[in-house]
Amino acid sequence: MNRQKKIKQLLKAHAKKASDKLAPKNKPKYISKAERLKLAAESSDDSNTPSE
C-alpha cells in the first residue's frame, strides 16, 4: 500500500508540474525601479518635445 501511494503521489506531482508549464502566464514581466524611472524619463522627454 505504501509503495503504491508513493508512486501515485509522484505521478500526480509530475502531472501537476507539466500542466503548470502549459498554463498561460498571467503575471506581467518584472521591471526594476531603475528601468521604470528610465522609461518615465523617456516618455516625459517625448511629451515635452513640440512636434511640428
N, C-alpha and C. Protein backbone atom coordinates (compact mmCIF):
# COMPACT_ATOMS: atom_id res chain seq x y z
N MET A 1 0.83 -1.20 0.00
CA MET A 1 0.00 0.00 0.00
C MET A 1 0.87 1.26 0.00
N ASN A 2 1.88 1.28 0.83
CA ASN A 2 2.73 2.45 0.96
C ASN A 2 3.47 2.75 -0.35
N ARG A 3 3.96 1.70 -1.00
CA ARG A 3 4.68 1.88 -2.26
C ARG A 3 3.75 2.43 -3.33
N GLN A 4 2.54 1.90 -3.39
CA GLN A 4 1.57 2.37 -4.37
C GLN A 4 1.22 3.84 -4.13
N LYS A 5 1.09 4.20 -2.88
CA LYS A 5 0.75 5.58 -2.53
C LYS A 5 1.87 6.53 -2.98
N LYS A 6 3.11 6.13 -2.76
CA LYS A 6 4.24 6.96 -3.15
C LYS A 6 4.31 7.13 -4.66
N ILE A 7 4.06 6.04 -5.39
CA ILE A 7 4.09 6.09 -6.85
C ILE A 7 2.99 7.01 -7.36
N LYS A 8 1.79 6.88 -6.79
CA LYS A 8 0.68 7.74 -7.19
C LYS A 8 1.00 9.20 -6.91
N GLN A 9 1.61 9.44 -5.76
CA GLN A 9 1.96 10.80 -5.36
C GLN A 9 2.97 11.40 -6.34
N LEU A 10 3.97 10.60 -6.72
CA LEU A 10 4.98 11.08 -7.68
C LEU A 10 4.35 11.38 -9.04
N LEU A 11 3.51 10.48 -9.51
CA LEU A 11 2.88 10.67 -10.81
C LEU A 11 1.99 11.92 -10.81
N LYS A 12 1.28 12.11 -9.71
CA LYS A 12 0.41 13.28 -9.59
C LYS A 12 1.24 14.57 -9.60
N ALA A 13 2.37 14.55 -8.90
CA ALA A 13 3.24 15.73 -8.84
C ALA A 13 3.81 16.05 -10.21
N HIS A 14 4.24 15.02 -10.95
CA HIS A 14 4.78 15.25 -12.29
C HIS A 14 3.71 15.79 -13.22
N ALA A 15 2.49 15.25 -13.11
CA ALA A 15 1.39 15.72 -13.96
C ALA A 15 1.07 17.18 -13.64
N LYS A 16 1.11 17.53 -12.38
CA LYS A 16 0.82 18.91 -11.97
C LYS A 16 1.87 19.87 -12.52
N LYS A 17 3.14 19.49 -12.43
CA LYS A 17 4.22 20.33 -12.95
C LYS A 17 4.06 20.52 -14.46
N ALA A 18 3.72 19.46 -15.16
CA ALA A 18 3.56 19.54 -16.62
C ALA A 18 2.40 20.46 -16.98
N SER A 19 1.29 20.35 -16.27
CA SER A 19 0.14 21.20 -16.58
C SER A 19 0.41 22.65 -16.21
N ASP A 20 1.19 22.89 -15.15
CA ASP A 20 1.54 24.25 -14.77
C ASP A 20 2.41 24.91 -15.83
N LYS A 21 3.28 24.14 -16.46
CA LYS A 21 4.14 24.70 -17.51
C LYS A 21 3.31 25.10 -18.72
N LEU A 22 2.27 24.33 -19.01
CA LEU A 22 1.44 24.61 -20.17
C LEU A 22 0.44 25.74 -19.92
N ALA A 23 0.15 26.03 -18.66
CA ALA A 23 -0.82 27.06 -18.33
C ALA A 23 -0.31 28.43 -18.76
N PRO A 24 -1.20 29.31 -19.18
CA PRO A 24 -0.76 30.65 -19.60
C PRO A 24 -0.28 31.46 -18.40
N LYS A 25 0.68 32.31 -18.65
CA LYS A 25 1.23 33.14 -17.59
C LYS A 25 0.47 34.46 -17.55
N ASN A 26 -0.18 34.76 -16.43
CA ASN A 26 -0.96 35.99 -16.31
C ASN A 26 -0.15 37.11 -15.66
N LYS A 27 0.98 36.74 -15.09
CA LYS A 27 1.77 37.71 -14.36
C LYS A 27 2.62 38.54 -15.33
N PRO A 28 2.60 39.86 -15.21
CA PRO A 28 3.44 40.67 -16.10
C PRO A 28 4.92 40.53 -15.74
N LYS A 29 5.78 40.77 -16.72
CA LYS A 29 7.21 40.66 -16.52
C LYS A 29 7.68 41.73 -15.54
N TYR A 30 8.60 41.39 -14.64
CA TYR A 30 9.10 42.32 -13.64
C TYR A 30 9.98 43.39 -14.29
N ILE A 31 9.72 44.64 -13.92
CA ILE A 31 10.55 45.76 -14.40
C ILE A 31 11.13 46.44 -13.17
N SER A 32 12.44 46.56 -13.12
CA SER A 32 13.10 47.15 -11.96
C SER A 32 12.75 48.63 -11.82
N LYS A 33 12.97 49.14 -10.62
CA LYS A 33 12.65 50.54 -10.34
C LYS A 33 13.46 51.47 -11.24
N ALA A 34 14.73 51.15 -11.45
CA ALA A 34 15.59 51.97 -12.30
C ALA A 34 15.06 51.99 -13.74
N GLU A 35 14.63 50.84 -14.22
CA GLU A 35 14.08 50.77 -15.58
C GLU A 35 12.81 51.59 -15.69
N ARG A 36 11.95 51.53 -14.65
CA ARG A 36 10.71 52.30 -14.67
C ARG A 36 11.00 53.79 -14.71
N LEU A 37 12.00 54.22 -13.94
CA LEU A 37 12.37 55.64 -13.93
C LEU A 37 12.91 56.06 -15.29
N LYS A 38 13.71 55.17 -15.91
CA LYS A 38 14.26 55.45 -17.23
C LYS A 38 13.14 55.60 -18.27
N LEU A 39 12.19 54.68 -18.23
CA LEU A 39 11.07 54.73 -19.18
C LEU A 39 10.22 55.97 -18.96
N ALA A 40 10.02 56.33 -17.70
CA ALA A 40 9.23 57.52 -17.39
C ALA A 40 9.94 58.77 -17.90
N ALA A 41 11.26 58.81 -17.74
CA ALA A 41 12.03 59.96 -18.21
C ALA A 41 11.97 60.06 -19.73
N GLU A 42 12.07 58.94 -20.41
CA GLU A 42 12.00 58.94 -21.87
C GLU A 42 10.63 59.39 -22.35
N SER A 43 9.59 58.92 -21.71
CA SER A 43 8.23 59.30 -22.14
C SER A 43 7.96 60.76 -21.85
N SER A 44 8.51 61.29 -20.75
CA SER A 44 8.30 62.71 -20.45
C SER A 44 9.10 63.57 -21.42
N ASP A 45 10.26 63.10 -21.86
CA ASP A 45 11.04 63.83 -22.86
C ASP A 45 10.28 63.90 -24.18
N ASP A 46 9.65 62.80 -24.55
CA ASP A 46 8.89 62.75 -25.79
C ASP A 46 7.68 63.69 -25.73
N SER A 47 7.03 63.76 -24.59
CA SER A 47 5.83 64.59 -24.49
C SER A 47 6.19 66.07 -24.40
N ASN A 48 7.36 66.40 -23.89
CA ASN A 48 7.77 67.80 -23.77
C ASN A 48 8.26 68.38 -25.10
N THR A 49 8.70 67.52 -25.99
CA THR A 49 9.22 67.98 -27.28
C THR A 49 8.06 68.39 -28.17
N PRO A 50 8.05 69.64 -28.66
CA PRO A 50 6.93 70.06 -29.54
C PRO A 50 7.08 69.41 -30.92
N SER A 51 5.99 68.88 -31.42
CA SER A 51 6.03 68.23 -32.73
C SER A 51 5.55 69.22 -33.78
N GLU A 52 6.25 69.27 -34.89
CA GLU A 52 5.92 70.23 -35.94
C GLU A 52 5.40 69.52 -37.16
